């Protein structure tokens, strides 16, 4: 696929099997449960995260395959769409395996997937442009290619996204099809379908020391104002 996940640009990657699910529509979201940063809580399929400025949040990116199965997919992430410049030092990575175990057996049944030739490229936000991680890609491959399309009901950790919280403006990291002609989700039949995409709302709080200094400064101004009025 890479002109919708360019098939010419695939080499060995795949994704670790995470869990089973019975979702009807494919869903791409950030990890939850044990894979969730301590600063974040789940809100349905989305996340609410509040962290001290300067904190690094490490997210897993999860694919939940729907009833139509999949022959491949590509998606991206966008943040600071309101030009808040709230995140910095963003990085992204693909998964690491070249197959997924869909049945423990014995004998074990595995299917193969391949990624794009490089990790998602990251363009950090600048205050003038939104940030973008482009793109997590995968496509069905050998072995057991006939089994690749029978993956409905499974989920995989497709990769990771790490962000540094920069300021208290707040922003939303949204997974979605942000790169025209590249991003898309292909069902087992070859039909392009629309997944449900998750997001993570990020808010920062000042470091405790900074908050204390601000409070002392305000107290000093108040006392100075009272003295000047005497």
Protein backbone atom coordinates (compact mmCIF):
# COMPACT_ATOMS: atom_id res chain seq x y z
CA UNK A 1 0.00 0.00 0.00
CA UNK A 2 2.01 3.39 0.41
CA UNK A 3 -0.05 4.96 -2.14
CA UNK A 4 -2.59 3.76 0.33
CA UNK A 5 0.12 2.00 2.30
CA UNK A 6 2.68 1.58 -0.41
CA UNK A 7 3.19 -2.10 -1.11
CA UNK A 8 6.59 -1.32 -2.56
CA UNK A 9 7.77 -0.04 0.79
CA UNK A 10 7.15 -2.99 3.08
CA UNK A 11 9.75 -4.97 5.00
CA UNK A 12 9.67 -7.10 8.13
CA UNK A 13 7.56 -5.82 11.01
CA UNK A 14 4.48 -6.85 12.78
CA UNK A 15 2.65 -6.44 15.96
CA UNK A 16 2.37 -8.15 19.32
CA UNK A 17 -0.95 -9.78 20.03
CA UNK A 18 -2.56 -7.91 22.89
CA UNK A 19 -6.07 -9.24 23.42
CA UNK A 20 -9.27 -10.39 21.77
CA UNK A 21 -12.22 -8.15 21.08
CA UNK A 22 -15.61 -8.40 19.41
CA UNK A 23 -15.83 -4.89 17.95
CA UNK A 24 -17.84 -4.63 14.71
CA UNK A 25 -15.86 -1.69 13.28
CA UNK A 26 -12.05 -1.47 13.36
CA UNK A 27 -10.74 0.82 16.06
CA UNK A 28 -7.32 2.46 16.36
CA UNK A 29 -6.66 3.93 19.78
CA UNK A 30 -4.09 4.49 22.49
CA UNK A 31 -3.42 1.61 24.87
CA UNK A 32 -5.31 1.26 28.13
CA UNK A 33 -5.01 -0.78 31.29
CA UNK A 34 -1.45 -1.81 32.10
CA UNK A 35 -0.15 0.02 29.01
CA UNK A 36 -1.58 3.35 30.12
CA UNK A 37 0.73 6.08 31.54
CA UNK A 38 0.04 6.73 35.22
CA UNK A 39 -0.95 10.33 34.42
CA UNK A 40 -3.82 9.19 32.17
CA UNK A 41 -7.28 7.73 32.71
CA UNK A 42 -9.51 6.01 30.16
CA UNK A 43 -12.70 7.75 29.03
CA UNK A 44 -14.41 5.17 26.83
CA UNK A 45 -11.95 4.53 24.02
CA UNK A 46 -10.13 7.81 24.66
CA UNK A 47 -7.74 9.14 27.30
CA UNK A 48 -7.63 12.10 29.68
CA UNK A 49 -4.10 12.93 30.81
CA UNK A 50 -2.89 15.54 33.31
CA UNK A 51 0.85 15.75 33.89
CA UNK A 52 3.44 18.11 35.31
CA UNK A 53 5.08 20.26 32.63
CA UNK A 54 8.19 18.48 31.39
CA UNK A 55 6.71 14.98 31.86
CA UNK A 56 7.22 12.41 29.09
CA UNK A 57 4.13 10.33 28.30
CA UNK A 58 4.68 7.01 26.51
CA UNK A 59 1.63 5.69 24.66
CA UNK A 60 1.02 2.33 23.01
CA UNK A 61 -0.95 2.48 19.76
CA UNK A 62 -3.49 -0.35 19.53
CA UNK A 63 -5.37 -1.73 16.51
CA UNK A 64 -8.63 -3.56 17.21
CA UNK A 65 -9.68 -5.51 14.12
CA UNK A 66 -13.38 -5.39 13.28
CA UNK A 67 -15.77 -7.90 11.76
CA UNK A 68 -14.51 -7.17 8.22
CA UNK A 69 -10.95 -8.28 9.03
CA UNK A 70 -8.05 -6.43 7.48
CA UNK A 71 -5.60 -6.71 4.63
CA UNK A 72 -3.67 -3.63 5.73
CA UNK A 73 -3.84 -0.14 7.16
CA UNK A 74 -2.10 3.20 7.51
CA UNK A 75 -2.86 6.05 9.89
CA UNK A 76 -1.23 9.09 11.48
CA UNK A 77 -1.47 11.23 14.62
CA UNK A 78 -1.96 14.99 14.86
CA UNK A 79 -1.69 17.36 17.84
CA UNK A 80 -1.65 21.08 18.63
CA UNK A 81 -4.20 21.62 15.86
CA UNK A 82 -5.18 24.85 17.65
CA UNK A 83 -1.49 25.92 17.49
CA UNK A 84 -1.11 25.71 21.27
CA UNK A 85 2.46 24.40 20.88
CA UNK A 86 1.71 22.35 23.98
CA UNK A 87 3.85 19.30 23.16
CA UNK A 88 7.50 18.91 22.24
CA UNK A 89 10.11 16.24 21.61
CA UNK A 90 7.58 13.86 20.07
CA UNK A 91 8.78 10.49 18.76
CA UNK A 92 7.05 7.47 17.25
CA UNK A 93 7.98 3.86 16.49
CA UNK A 94 6.53 0.86 14.70
CA UNK A 95 6.06 -2.54 16.34
CA UNK A 96 8.93 -5.04 16.27
CA UNK A 97 7.75 -8.52 15.27
CA UNK A 98 7.18 -9.97 11.80
CA UNK A 99 4.18 -12.14 12.63
CA UNK A 100 1.16 -12.33 14.93
CA UNK A 101 0.06 -15.50 16.70
CA UNK A 102 -3.70 -15.78 16.19
CA UNK A 103 -4.06 -19.25 17.70
CA UNK A 104 -1.75 -20.72 20.34
CA UNK A 105 -2.44 -24.23 19.03
CA UNK A 106 -0.74 -26.64 19.05
CA UNK A 107 0.30 -26.17 16.42
CA UNK A 108 0.47 -22.38 16.69
CA UNK A 109 -1.15 -20.47 13.83
CA UNK A 110 0.70 -17.30 12.82
CA UNK A 111 0.06 -14.63 10.23
CA UNK A 112 2.58 -12.24 8.73
CA UNK A 113 2.50 -8.46 8.43
CA UNK A 114 5.03 -6.00 7.07
CA UNK A 115 5.51 -2.31 7.91
CA UNK A 116 6.64 0.70 5.99
CA UNK A 117 10.39 0.95 5.55
CA UNK A 118 10.84 3.47 8.35
CA UNK A 119 9.30 4.56 11.63
CA UNK A 120 6.57 7.20 11.42
CA UNK A 121 8.16 10.53 10.55
CA UNK A 122 7.49 13.23 13.13
CA UNK A 123 7.00 16.94 12.47
CA UNK A 124 6.81 18.68 15.83
CA UNK A 125 4.40 21.57 16.28
CA UNK A 126 5.94 25.03 16.22
CA UNK A 127 3.18 27.37 17.34
CA UNK A 128 2.61 28.10 13.64
CA UNK A 129 1.86 24.55 12.42
CA UNK A 130 0.26 21.50 14.01
CA UNK A 131 2.38 18.46 14.86
CA UNK A 132 2.11 15.24 12.85
CA UNK A 133 3.38 11.67 13.16
CA UNK A 134 3.17 10.15 9.68
CA UNK A 135 2.42 7.14 9.40
CA UNK A 136 2.00 3.75 11.08
CA UNK A 137 1.69 1.28 8.17
CA UNK A 138 1.12 -2.43 7.87
CA UNK A 139 0.03 -4.87 5.20
CA UNK A 140 -0.77 -8.58 5.13
CA UNK A 141 2.15 -10.83 4.19
CA UNK A 142 3.32 -14.44 4.37
CA UNK A 143 3.26 -16.87 6.14
CA UNK A 144 -0.33 -18.10 6.06
CA UNK A 145 -1.53 -15.25 3.87
CA UNK A 146 -4.94 -16.91 3.60
CA UNK A 147 -5.26 -16.50 7.37
CA UNK A 148 -4.32 -12.81 7.40
CA UNK A 149 -7.84 -11.76 6.50
CA UNK A 150 -9.38 -13.88 9.26
CA UNK A 151 -8.18 -11.64 12.07
CA UNK A 152 -11.50 -10.13 13.19
CA UNK A 153 -11.73 -10.14 16.96
CA UNK A 154 -8.03 -9.57 17.68
CA UNK A 155 -6.02 -6.53 18.68
CA UNK A 156 -2.34 -5.63 18.32
CA UNK A 157 0.13 -3.13 19.68
CA UNK A 158 1.08 -1.49 16.42
CA UNK A 159 3.70 0.86 17.82
CA UNK A 160 4.33 3.68 20.25
CA UNK A 161 4.07 7.46 20.54
CA UNK A 162 6.06 9.43 23.14
CA UNK A 163 5.41 13.10 23.89
CA UNK A 164 6.87 15.69 26.26
CA UNK A 165 4.26 17.94 27.87
CA UNK A 166 5.50 21.51 27.36
CA UNK A 167 2.95 23.94 28.79
CA UNK A 168 -0.45 24.30 30.40
CA UNK A 169 -2.37 25.27 27.25
CA UNK A 170 -3.67 21.75 26.74
CA UNK A 171 -4.03 19.90 23.45
CA UNK A 172 -5.53 16.79 21.90
CA UNK A 173 -3.54 14.05 20.16
CA UNK A 174 -5.87 12.54 17.57
CA UNK A 175 -5.26 9.34 15.61
CA UNK A 176 -6.72 9.48 12.10
CA UNK A 177 -6.29 9.65 8.33
CA UNK A 178 -4.32 12.89 8.06
CA UNK A 179 -2.21 12.07 4.97
CA UNK A 180 -4.26 12.01 1.77
CA UNK A 181 -3.46 9.15 -0.60
CA UNK A 182 -1.49 7.26 2.06
CA UNK A 183 -3.67 6.74 5.10
CA UNK A 184 -6.56 4.29 4.92
CA UNK A 185 -7.88 1.00 6.33
CA UNK A 186 -8.40 -1.89 3.91
CA UNK A 187 -10.81 -4.68 4.87
CA UNK A 188 -10.20 -8.33 4.02
CA UNK A 189 -12.31 -7.89 0.89
CA UNK A 190 -10.06 -5.05 -0.33
CA UNK A 191 -12.70 -2.41 0.42
CA UNK A 192 -11.50 0.79 2.11
CA UNK A 193 -13.48 1.30 5.32
CA UNK A 194 -13.53 3.94 8.05
CA UNK A 195 -12.19 2.94 11.50
CA UNK A 196 -13.10 4.53 14.79
CA UNK A 197 -10.12 6.64 15.88
CA UNK A 198 -9.26 7.42 19.49
CA UNK A 199 -7.64 10.51 20.98
CA UNK A 200 -5.83 11.62 24.12
CA UNK A 201 -6.52 14.97 25.79
CA UNK A 202 -3.33 16.37 27.36
CA UNK A 203 -3.22 19.00 30.08
CA UNK A 204 -0.19 20.13 32.06
CA UNK A 205 0.11 21.56 35.55
CA UNK A 206 3.09 23.71 36.63
CA UNK A 207 5.84 22.12 38.67
CA UNK A 208 5.12 22.46 42.43
CA UNK A 209 8.11 24.75 42.95
CA UNK A 210 6.92 27.13 40.25
CA UNK A 211 3.44 27.25 41.76
CA UNK A 212 4.95 28.08 45.18
CA UNK A 213 7.11 30.85 43.74
CA UNK A 214 4.12 32.34 41.93
CA UNK A 215 2.13 32.27 45.17
CA UNK A 216 4.92 33.96 47.12
CA UNK A 217 5.25 36.57 44.41
CA UNK A 218 1.55 37.38 44.52
CA UNK A 219 1.70 37.56 48.32
CA UNK A 220 4.61 39.97 48.12
CA UNK A 221 2.75 42.21 45.68
CA UNK A 222 -0.29 42.22 47.96
CA UNK A 223 1.76 43.20 51.01
CA UNK A 224 3.60 45.88 49.06
CA UNK A 225 0.30 47.33 47.91
CA UNK A 226 -0.99 47.50 51.47
CA UNK A 227 2.19 49.23 52.66
CA UNK A 228 1.98 51.87 49.95
CA UNK A 229 -1.56 52.75 50.97
CA UNK A 230 -0.61 53.45 54.61
